[in-house]
């Protein structure tokens, strides 16, 4: 379980070591909404690929060990208290878009404007992907009940338009 204080601890440690990180996934949605709306199994982050080694060292210093480590794609860290951090790495292109390598070898591109999101965790400003990009990220797979709920809350709170499979 990743609590709000855990999110801030990870974000603060990464920032202190010079790693730029944007909240994604459930915590990214809650940050954009400005309050925690549900329990979270993990913290999803997007970071620049060249900063992955520094991020790994920072997470290790917080007691995390790596359960999955595909540096050019993502890595997952877990600690003894079952706190989990899922880190997606991107390479920025000339326009500021973030290219994330996929398992099949293709790349998925986060639009440049997607990295301008600011949310709040425990009333503290944190960098996160924008609401529009959160919606784009949630279109890449078959949604479950939690995904549908998160997207509905994001639409209600941030005014983003949802398309199938989340809306019309």
N, C-alpha and C. Protein backbone atom coordinates (compact mmCIF):
# COMPACT_ATOMS: atom_id res chain seq x y z
N UNK A 1 0.85 -1.18 0.00
CA UNK A 1 0.00 0.00 0.00
C UNK A 1 0.89 1.25 0.00
N UNK A 2 0.60 2.16 -0.89
CA UNK A 2 1.33 3.43 -0.94
C UNK A 2 0.44 4.53 -0.39
N UNK A 3 0.83 5.05 0.75
CA UNK A 3 0.10 6.15 1.38
C UNK A 3 0.62 7.48 0.85
N UNK A 4 -0.12 8.53 1.10
CA UNK A 4 0.27 9.86 0.63
C UNK A 4 1.66 10.23 1.15
N UNK A 5 1.94 9.93 2.41
CA UNK A 5 3.27 10.27 2.96
C UNK A 5 4.37 9.49 2.24
N UNK A 6 4.05 8.26 1.80
CA UNK A 6 5.02 7.46 1.05
C UNK A 6 5.30 8.09 -0.32
N UNK A 7 4.24 8.56 -0.96
CA UNK A 7 4.39 9.23 -2.26
C UNK A 7 5.33 10.42 -2.11
N UNK A 8 5.08 11.24 -1.10
CA UNK A 8 5.91 12.43 -0.90
C UNK A 8 7.34 12.06 -0.54
N UNK A 9 7.54 10.99 0.23
CA UNK A 9 8.89 10.55 0.57
C UNK A 9 9.65 10.16 -0.70
N UNK A 10 9.02 9.40 -1.57
CA UNK A 10 9.67 8.98 -2.82
C UNK A 10 9.94 10.19 -3.71
N UNK A 11 8.94 11.03 -3.90
CA UNK A 11 9.11 12.22 -4.75
C UNK A 11 10.21 13.12 -4.21
N UNK A 12 10.24 13.33 -2.90
CA UNK A 12 11.26 14.18 -2.29
C UNK A 12 12.66 13.60 -2.48
N UNK A 13 12.80 12.28 -2.29
CA UNK A 13 14.11 11.64 -2.44
C UNK A 13 14.59 11.74 -3.89
N UNK A 14 13.68 11.48 -4.82
CA UNK A 14 14.06 11.58 -6.23
C UNK A 14 14.47 13.02 -6.57
N UNK A 15 13.68 13.97 -6.13
CA UNK A 15 13.99 15.38 -6.39
C UNK A 15 15.33 15.78 -5.80
N UNK A 16 15.60 15.32 -4.59
CA UNK A 16 16.86 15.67 -3.91
C UNK A 16 18.07 15.14 -4.65
N UNK A 17 17.87 14.06 -5.43
CA UNK A 17 18.98 13.49 -6.19
C UNK A 17 18.99 13.97 -7.64
N UNK A 18 18.10 14.89 -7.97
CA UNK A 18 18.08 15.46 -9.31
C UNK A 18 17.24 14.73 -10.33
N UNK A 19 16.43 13.77 -9.87
CA UNK A 19 15.58 13.01 -10.79
C UNK A 19 14.26 13.74 -10.97
N UNK A 20 13.91 14.00 -12.21
CA UNK A 20 12.61 14.58 -12.53
C UNK A 20 11.61 13.44 -12.60
N UNK A 21 10.48 13.60 -11.92
CA UNK A 21 9.47 12.53 -11.89
C UNK A 21 8.08 13.13 -11.96
N UNK A 22 7.22 12.48 -12.74
CA UNK A 22 5.83 12.88 -12.88
C UNK A 22 4.95 11.75 -12.40
N UNK A 23 3.98 12.06 -11.53
CA UNK A 23 3.03 11.05 -11.08
C UNK A 23 2.13 10.65 -12.23
N UNK A 24 1.85 9.36 -12.29
CA UNK A 24 1.02 8.77 -13.32
C UNK A 24 0.07 7.81 -12.62
N UNK A 25 -0.84 7.20 -13.33
CA UNK A 25 -1.71 6.19 -12.75
C UNK A 25 -2.61 6.74 -11.66
N UNK A 26 -2.95 5.89 -10.71
CA UNK A 26 -3.91 6.25 -9.67
C UNK A 26 -3.51 7.46 -8.84
N UNK A 27 -2.26 7.49 -8.39
CA UNK A 27 -1.82 8.66 -7.62
C UNK A 27 -1.78 9.90 -8.49
N UNK A 28 -1.46 9.75 -9.78
CA UNK A 28 -1.49 10.89 -10.69
C UNK A 28 -2.90 11.44 -10.83
N UNK A 29 -3.88 10.57 -10.93
CA UNK A 29 -5.28 10.99 -11.01
C UNK A 29 -5.68 11.70 -9.71
N UNK A 30 -5.39 11.07 -8.58
CA UNK A 30 -5.76 11.69 -7.30
C UNK A 30 -5.07 13.03 -7.09
N UNK A 31 -3.81 13.14 -7.53
CA UNK A 31 -3.11 14.42 -7.41
C UNK A 31 -3.82 15.50 -8.23
N UNK A 32 -4.24 15.16 -9.43
CA UNK A 32 -4.95 16.13 -10.27
C UNK A 32 -6.29 16.51 -9.66
N UNK A 33 -6.95 15.56 -9.04
CA UNK A 33 -8.22 15.84 -8.38
C UNK A 33 -7.98 16.68 -7.12
N UNK A 34 -6.81 16.49 -6.51
CA UNK A 34 -6.44 17.28 -5.34
C UNK A 34 -6.72 16.62 -4.00
N UNK A 35 -7.10 15.33 -4.07
CA UNK A 35 -7.35 14.59 -2.82
C UNK A 35 -7.26 13.10 -3.13
N UNK A 36 -6.96 12.33 -2.09
CA UNK A 36 -6.91 10.88 -2.26
C UNK A 36 -8.34 10.36 -2.29
N UNK A 37 -8.67 9.60 -3.34
CA UNK A 37 -10.02 9.09 -3.50
C UNK A 37 -10.14 7.60 -3.24
N UNK A 38 -9.00 6.90 -3.13
CA UNK A 38 -9.02 5.45 -2.92
C UNK A 38 -7.66 5.02 -2.41
N UNK A 39 -7.58 3.75 -1.98
CA UNK A 39 -6.30 3.16 -1.62
C UNK A 39 -5.52 2.85 -2.89
N UNK A 40 -4.20 2.90 -2.78
CA UNK A 40 -3.33 2.65 -3.93
C UNK A 40 -2.33 1.56 -3.62
N UNK A 41 -2.27 0.56 -4.50
CA UNK A 41 -1.30 -0.53 -4.34
C UNK A 41 0.12 -0.08 -4.64
N UNK A 42 0.25 0.92 -5.51
CA UNK A 42 1.59 1.33 -5.92
C UNK A 42 1.60 2.81 -6.29
N UNK A 43 2.77 3.29 -6.62
CA UNK A 43 2.97 4.64 -7.13
C UNK A 43 3.56 4.49 -8.52
N UNK A 44 2.88 5.02 -9.52
CA UNK A 44 3.38 5.01 -10.89
C UNK A 44 4.06 6.34 -11.17
N UNK A 45 5.27 6.27 -11.71
CA UNK A 45 6.04 7.47 -12.04
C UNK A 45 6.55 7.37 -13.48
N UNK A 46 6.74 8.53 -14.09
CA UNK A 46 7.43 8.62 -15.38
C UNK A 46 8.67 9.45 -15.13
N UNK A 47 9.83 8.93 -15.57
CA UNK A 47 11.10 9.66 -15.40
C UNK A 47 11.89 9.59 -16.70
N UNK A 48 12.83 10.52 -16.89
CA UNK A 48 13.71 10.42 -18.06
C UNK A 48 14.64 9.21 -17.93
N UNK A 49 14.81 8.46 -19.01
CA UNK A 49 15.67 7.28 -19.01
C UNK A 49 17.09 7.59 -18.52
N UNK A 50 17.71 8.71 -18.92
CA UNK A 50 19.07 8.96 -18.43
C UNK A 50 19.16 9.12 -16.90
N UNK A 51 18.05 9.32 -16.24
CA UNK A 51 18.05 9.49 -14.79
C UNK A 51 17.68 8.20 -14.05
N UNK A 52 17.52 7.10 -14.78
CA UNK A 52 17.08 5.84 -14.18
C UNK A 52 18.07 5.30 -13.16
N UNK A 53 19.37 5.36 -13.43
CA UNK A 53 20.36 4.87 -12.49
C UNK A 53 20.31 5.63 -11.18
N UNK A 54 20.18 6.93 -11.26
CA UNK A 54 20.08 7.76 -10.05
C UNK A 54 18.80 7.44 -9.30
N UNK A 55 17.71 7.23 -10.04
CA UNK A 55 16.44 6.88 -9.40
C UNK A 55 16.55 5.54 -8.68
N UNK A 56 17.20 4.58 -9.30
CA UNK A 56 17.38 3.27 -8.66
C UNK A 56 18.14 3.41 -7.34
N UNK A 57 19.23 4.20 -7.36
CA UNK A 57 20.01 4.40 -6.14
C UNK A 57 19.18 5.10 -5.07
N UNK A 58 18.38 6.08 -5.46
CA UNK A 58 17.53 6.80 -4.51
C UNK A 58 16.50 5.87 -3.88
N UNK A 59 15.89 5.02 -4.69
CA UNK A 59 14.91 4.08 -4.16
C UNK A 59 15.56 3.02 -3.27
N UNK A 60 16.74 2.58 -3.65
CA UNK A 60 17.48 1.63 -2.82
C UNK A 60 17.76 2.23 -1.45
N UNK A 61 18.12 3.51 -1.41
CA UNK A 61 18.40 4.19 -0.14
C UNK A 61 17.15 4.26 0.74
N UNK A 62 15.96 4.18 0.13
CA UNK A 62 14.71 4.18 0.89
C UNK A 62 14.28 2.75 1.28
N UNK A 63 15.09 1.76 0.95
CA UNK A 63 14.78 0.39 1.32
C UNK A 63 14.08 -0.43 0.26
N UNK A 64 14.01 0.07 -0.95
CA UNK A 64 13.35 -0.66 -2.03
C UNK A 64 14.33 -1.62 -2.71
N UNK A 65 13.79 -2.74 -3.17
CA UNK A 65 14.53 -3.69 -3.99
C UNK A 65 13.77 -3.84 -5.30
N UNK A 66 14.47 -4.23 -6.35
CA UNK A 66 13.86 -4.27 -7.67
C UNK A 66 13.35 -5.66 -7.98
N UNK A 67 12.06 -5.73 -8.30
CA UNK A 67 11.42 -7.00 -8.62
C UNK A 67 11.33 -7.20 -10.12
N UNK A 68 11.34 -6.13 -10.87
CA UNK A 68 11.38 -6.15 -12.33
C UNK A 68 12.31 -5.04 -12.74
N UNK A 69 13.17 -5.29 -13.71
CA UNK A 69 14.12 -4.25 -14.09
C UNK A 69 14.46 -4.35 -15.56
N UNK A 70 13.69 -3.65 -16.36
CA UNK A 70 13.93 -3.54 -17.79
C UNK A 70 14.19 -2.06 -18.03
N UNK A 71 15.43 -1.63 -17.81
CA UNK A 71 15.80 -0.22 -17.74
C UNK A 71 15.24 0.64 -18.86
N UNK A 72 15.22 0.13 -20.08
CA UNK A 72 14.75 0.96 -21.19
C UNK A 72 13.24 0.94 -21.35
N UNK A 73 12.55 0.23 -20.46
CA UNK A 73 11.10 0.13 -20.52
C UNK A 73 10.49 0.60 -19.19
N UNK A 74 10.82 -0.10 -18.13
CA UNK A 74 10.32 0.26 -16.80
C UNK A 74 11.06 -0.57 -15.76
N UNK A 75 10.90 -0.16 -14.52
CA UNK A 75 11.36 -1.01 -13.43
C UNK A 75 10.41 -0.86 -12.26
N UNK A 76 10.30 -1.94 -11.49
CA UNK A 76 9.39 -1.99 -10.36
C UNK A 76 10.20 -2.26 -9.11
N UNK A 77 9.93 -1.46 -8.07
CA UNK A 77 10.63 -1.61 -6.80
C UNK A 77 9.61 -1.87 -5.70
N UNK A 78 10.03 -2.71 -4.74
CA UNK A 78 9.16 -3.06 -3.62
C UNK A 78 10.01 -3.07 -2.36
N UNK A 79 9.41 -2.65 -1.25
CA UNK A 79 10.14 -2.71 0.01
C UNK A 79 9.52 -3.73 0.96
N UNK A 80 10.09 -3.88 2.14
CA UNK A 80 9.66 -4.89 3.11
C UNK A 80 8.23 -4.67 3.58
N UNK A 81 7.73 -3.43 3.49
CA UNK A 81 6.36 -3.12 3.89
C UNK A 81 5.38 -3.24 2.73
N UNK A 82 5.84 -3.80 1.60
CA UNK A 82 5.05 -3.99 0.39
C UNK A 82 4.65 -2.67 -0.27
N UNK A 83 5.44 -1.63 -0.03
CA UNK A 83 5.24 -0.41 -0.81
C UNK A 83 5.86 -0.68 -2.17
N UNK A 84 5.17 -0.25 -3.24
CA UNK A 84 5.64 -0.52 -4.59
C UNK A 84 5.70 0.75 -5.42
N UNK A 85 6.75 0.86 -6.20
CA UNK A 85 6.93 1.98 -7.12
C UNK A 85 7.17 1.39 -8.50
N UNK A 86 6.34 1.80 -9.46
CA UNK A 86 6.43 1.34 -10.84
C UNK A 86 6.91 2.53 -11.67
N UNK A 87 8.14 2.44 -12.17
CA UNK A 87 8.78 3.56 -12.84
C UNK A 87 8.85 3.30 -14.34
N UNK A 88 8.26 4.20 -15.12
CA UNK A 88 8.29 4.13 -16.58
C UNK A 88 9.31 5.14 -17.08
N UNK A 89 10.22 4.69 -17.92
CA UNK A 89 11.27 5.58 -18.41
C UNK A 89 10.95 6.08 -19.82
N UNK A 90 11.31 7.33 -20.06
CA UNK A 90 11.09 7.94 -21.38
C UNK A 90 12.36 8.63 -21.85
N UNK A 91 12.46 8.73 -23.15
CA UNK A 91 13.50 9.53 -23.79
C UNK A 91 12.78 10.70 -24.44
N UNK A 92 13.20 11.91 -24.12
CA UNK A 92 12.53 13.09 -24.68
C UNK A 92 13.02 13.36 -26.09
N UNK A 93 12.07 13.67 -26.98
CA UNK A 93 12.41 14.02 -28.34
C UNK A 93 12.62 15.53 -28.44
N UNK A 94 12.92 16.01 -29.65
CA UNK A 94 13.23 17.43 -29.87
C UNK A 94 12.08 18.35 -29.48
N UNK A 95 10.86 17.85 -29.55
CA UNK A 95 9.68 18.67 -29.24
C UNK A 95 9.28 18.60 -27.77
N UNK A 96 9.96 17.76 -26.99
CA UNK A 96 9.62 17.62 -25.57
C UNK A 96 8.67 16.48 -25.28
N UNK A 97 8.34 15.69 -26.30
CA UNK A 97 7.52 14.51 -26.07
C UNK A 97 8.37 13.40 -25.47
N UNK A 98 7.75 12.55 -24.68
CA UNK A 98 8.47 11.46 -24.05
C UNK A 98 8.19 10.14 -24.73
N UNK A 99 9.21 9.53 -25.28
CA UNK A 99 9.06 8.25 -25.96
C UNK A 99 9.35 7.12 -24.98
N UNK A 100 8.36 6.26 -24.80
CA UNK A 100 8.51 5.10 -23.92
C UNK A 100 8.51 3.85 -24.76
N UNK A 101 9.57 3.08 -24.65
CA UNK A 101 9.66 1.82 -25.38
C UNK A 101 8.64 0.84 -24.83
N UNK A 102 7.98 0.13 -25.71
CA UNK A 102 6.99 -0.87 -25.34
C UNK A 102 7.61 -2.27 -25.42
N UNK A 103 6.96 -3.23 -24.83
CA UNK A 103 7.48 -4.60 -24.81
C UNK A 103 7.69 -5.17 -26.20
N UNK A 104 6.86 -4.73 -27.16
CA UNK A 104 6.98 -5.26 -28.53
C UNK A 104 8.03 -4.51 -29.36
N UNK A 105 8.76 -3.58 -28.72
CA UNK A 105 9.82 -2.85 -29.41
C UNK A 105 9.38 -1.54 -30.02
N UNK A 106 8.09 -1.29 -30.10
CA UNK A 106 7.60 0.00 -30.59
C UNK A 106 7.72 1.03 -29.47
N UNK A 107 7.41 2.28 -29.79
CA UNK A 107 7.43 3.35 -28.80
C UNK A 107 6.05 3.98 -28.68
N UNK A 108 5.72 4.39 -27.46
CA UNK A 108 4.51 5.17 -27.23
C UNK A 108 4.97 6.56 -26.84
N UNK A 109 4.33 7.59 -27.38
CA UNK A 109 4.78 8.97 -27.17
C UNK A 109 3.82 9.72 -26.26
N UNK A 110 4.36 10.19 -25.14
CA UNK A 110 3.64 11.12 -24.28
C UNK A 110 3.79 12.49 -24.94
N UNK A 111 2.68 13.19 -25.22
CA UNK A 111 2.80 14.51 -25.84
C UNK A 111 3.53 15.49 -24.91
N UNK A 112 4.26 16.47 -25.49
CA UNK A 112 5.02 17.41 -24.66
C UNK A 112 4.18 18.10 -23.58
N UNK A 113 2.97 18.50 -23.94
CA UNK A 113 2.13 19.22 -22.98
C UNK A 113 1.70 18.33 -21.81
N UNK A 114 1.85 17.03 -21.97
CA UNK A 114 1.48 16.11 -20.91
C UNK A 114 2.35 16.21 -19.67
N UNK A 115 3.54 16.78 -19.81
CA UNK A 115 4.46 16.89 -18.67
C UNK A 115 4.30 18.20 -17.91
N UNK A 116 3.23 18.93 -18.17
CA UNK A 116 3.02 20.22 -17.50
C UNK A 116 2.02 20.15 -16.35
N UNK A 117 1.58 18.96 -16.00
CA UNK A 117 0.57 18.83 -14.95
C UNK A 117 1.12 19.12 -13.56
N UNK A 118 0.31 19.75 -12.77
CA UNK A 118 0.61 19.99 -11.36
C UNK A 118 -0.60 19.52 -10.57
N UNK A 119 -0.34 18.66 -9.61
CA UNK A 119 -1.40 18.17 -8.74
C UNK A 119 -1.03 18.42 -7.30
N UNK A 120 -1.84 17.86 -6.41
CA UNK A 120 -1.59 18.05 -4.98
C UNK A 120 -1.72 16.71 -4.25
N UNK A 121 -0.72 16.43 -3.41
CA UNK A 121 -0.75 15.28 -2.51
C UNK A 121 -0.55 15.85 -1.12
N UNK A 122 -1.51 15.59 -0.24
CA UNK A 122 -1.50 16.19 1.10
C UNK A 122 -1.25 17.69 1.04
N UNK A 123 -1.94 18.32 0.11
CA UNK A 123 -1.88 19.77 -0.08
C UNK A 123 -0.52 20.29 -0.51
N UNK A 124 0.33 19.40 -1.04
CA UNK A 124 1.62 19.81 -1.58
C UNK A 124 1.61 19.66 -3.08
N UNK A 125 2.12 20.65 -3.78
CA UNK A 125 2.19 20.59 -5.23
C UNK A 125 3.19 19.53 -5.66
N UNK A 126 2.78 18.72 -6.64
CA UNK A 126 3.65 17.69 -7.21
C UNK A 126 3.48 17.69 -8.72
N UNK A 127 4.54 17.35 -9.42
CA UNK A 127 4.48 17.22 -10.87
C UNK A 127 3.74 15.93 -11.22
N UNK A 128 2.86 16.04 -12.18
CA UNK A 128 2.16 14.84 -12.64
C UNK A 128 1.79 15.02 -14.11
N UNK A 129 1.44 13.92 -14.74
CA UNK A 129 0.96 14.02 -16.11
C UNK A 129 -0.38 14.75 -16.09
N UNK A 130 -0.66 15.49 -17.15
CA UNK A 130 -1.92 16.22 -17.22
C UNK A 130 -3.11 15.27 -17.31
N UNK A 131 -4.28 15.81 -17.05
CA UNK A 131 -5.51 15.00 -17.11
C UNK A 131 -5.70 14.42 -18.51
N UNK A 132 -5.44 15.21 -19.53
CA UNK A 132 -5.60 14.74 -20.90
C UNK A 132 -4.69 13.55 -21.21
N UNK A 133 -3.47 13.61 -20.72
CA UNK A 133 -2.53 12.52 -20.97
C UNK A 133 -2.86 11.32 -20.09
N UNK A 134 -3.37 11.55 -18.89
CA UNK A 134 -3.83 10.43 -18.07
C UNK A 134 -4.90 9.64 -18.85
N UNK A 135 -5.81 10.37 -19.48
CA UNK A 135 -6.86 9.70 -20.27
C UNK A 135 -6.22 8.92 -21.42
N UNK A 136 -5.28 9.54 -22.14
CA UNK A 136 -4.60 8.84 -23.24
C UNK A 136 -3.93 7.54 -22.76
N UNK A 137 -3.25 7.63 -21.62
CA UNK A 137 -2.57 6.45 -21.08
C UNK A 137 -3.55 5.34 -20.73
N UNK A 138 -4.74 5.70 -20.33
CA UNK A 138 -5.74 4.71 -19.95
C UNK A 138 -6.47 4.10 -21.14
N UNK A 139 -6.16 4.56 -22.35
CA UNK A 139 -6.78 4.00 -23.55
C UNK A 139 -5.98 2.84 -24.13
N UNK A 140 -4.81 2.57 -23.55
CA UNK A 140 -3.92 1.56 -24.12
C UNK A 140 -4.20 0.13 -23.68
N UNK A 141 -5.24 -0.07 -22.91
CA UNK A 141 -5.55 -1.42 -22.42
C UNK A 141 -7.02 -1.49 -22.05
N UNK A 142 -7.49 -2.71 -21.80
CA UNK A 142 -8.89 -2.91 -21.41
C UNK A 142 -9.06 -2.45 -19.95
N UNK A 143 -9.93 -1.48 -19.70
CA UNK A 143 -10.08 -0.94 -18.35
C UNK A 143 -10.81 -1.89 -17.40
N UNK A 144 -10.43 -1.79 -16.13
CA UNK A 144 -11.17 -2.51 -15.10
C UNK A 144 -12.06 -1.50 -14.36
N UNK A 145 -12.72 -1.95 -13.32
CA UNK A 145 -13.64 -1.09 -12.57
C UNK A 145 -12.93 0.13 -11.98
N UNK A 146 -11.72 -0.07 -11.47
CA UNK A 146 -10.96 1.04 -10.89
C UNK A 146 -10.60 2.07 -11.96
N UNK A 147 -10.17 1.60 -13.13
CA UNK A 147 -9.85 2.52 -14.23
C UNK A 147 -11.07 3.35 -14.62
N UNK A 148 -12.21 2.71 -14.73
CA UNK A 148 -13.44 3.42 -15.11
C UNK A 148 -13.79 4.48 -14.06
N UNK A 149 -13.66 4.11 -12.80
CA UNK A 149 -13.94 5.04 -11.71
C UNK A 149 -12.97 6.23 -11.75
N UNK A 150 -11.68 5.94 -11.89
CA UNK A 150 -10.67 7.01 -11.93
C UNK A 150 -10.93 7.97 -13.09
N UNK A 151 -11.23 7.44 -14.26
CA UNK A 151 -11.46 8.30 -15.42
C UNK A 151 -12.73 9.15 -15.24
N UNK A 152 -13.77 8.55 -14.66
CA UNK A 152 -14.99 9.31 -14.40
C UNK A 152 -14.71 10.47 -13.44
N UNK A 153 -13.97 10.19 -12.36
CA UNK A 153 -13.62 11.24 -11.40
C UNK A 153 -12.76 12.33 -12.05
N UNK A 154 -11.84 11.92 -12.89
CA UNK A 154 -10.98 12.88 -13.58
C UNK A 154 -11.80 13.77 -14.51
N UNK A 155 -12.75 13.17 -15.22
CA UNK A 155 -13.62 13.95 -16.11
C UNK A 155 -14.46 14.94 -15.31
N UNK A 156 -15.02 14.48 -14.20
CA UNK A 156 -15.85 15.35 -13.38
C UNK A 156 -15.04 16.49 -12.76
N UNK A 157 -13.85 16.19 -12.32
CA UNK A 157 -13.03 17.17 -11.61
C UNK A 157 -12.27 18.11 -12.53
N UNK A 158 -11.76 17.57 -13.65
CA UNK A 158 -10.89 18.36 -14.52
C UNK A 158 -11.53 18.74 -15.85
N UNK A 159 -12.72 18.23 -16.11
CA UNK A 159 -13.43 18.61 -17.32
C UNK A 159 -12.93 17.97 -18.60
N UNK A 160 -12.14 16.90 -18.50
CA UNK A 160 -11.68 16.24 -19.72
C UNK A 160 -12.81 15.43 -20.33
N UNK A 161 -12.76 15.29 -21.63
CA UNK A 161 -13.77 14.52 -22.35
C UNK A 161 -13.30 13.08 -22.45
N UNK A 162 -14.19 12.17 -22.15
CA UNK A 162 -13.87 10.75 -22.23
C UNK A 162 -14.47 10.15 -23.49
N UNK A 163 -13.71 9.29 -24.12
CA UNK A 163 -14.22 8.54 -25.27
C UNK A 163 -14.24 7.06 -24.89
N UNK A 164 -14.71 6.23 -25.82
CA UNK A 164 -14.78 4.79 -25.56
C UNK A 164 -13.39 4.29 -25.15
N UNK A 165 -13.29 3.42 -24.22
CA UNK A 165 -14.35 2.68 -23.55
C UNK A 165 -14.90 3.36 -22.30
N UNK A 166 -14.53 4.62 -22.06
CA UNK A 166 -14.93 5.30 -20.83
C UNK A 166 -16.17 6.18 -20.98
N UNK A 167 -16.46 6.60 -22.15
CA UNK A 167 -17.61 7.47 -22.37
C UNK A 167 -17.94 7.50 -23.86
N UNK A 168 -18.85 8.38 -24.20
CA UNK A 168 -19.26 8.45 -25.60
C UNK A 168 -18.50 9.52 -26.36
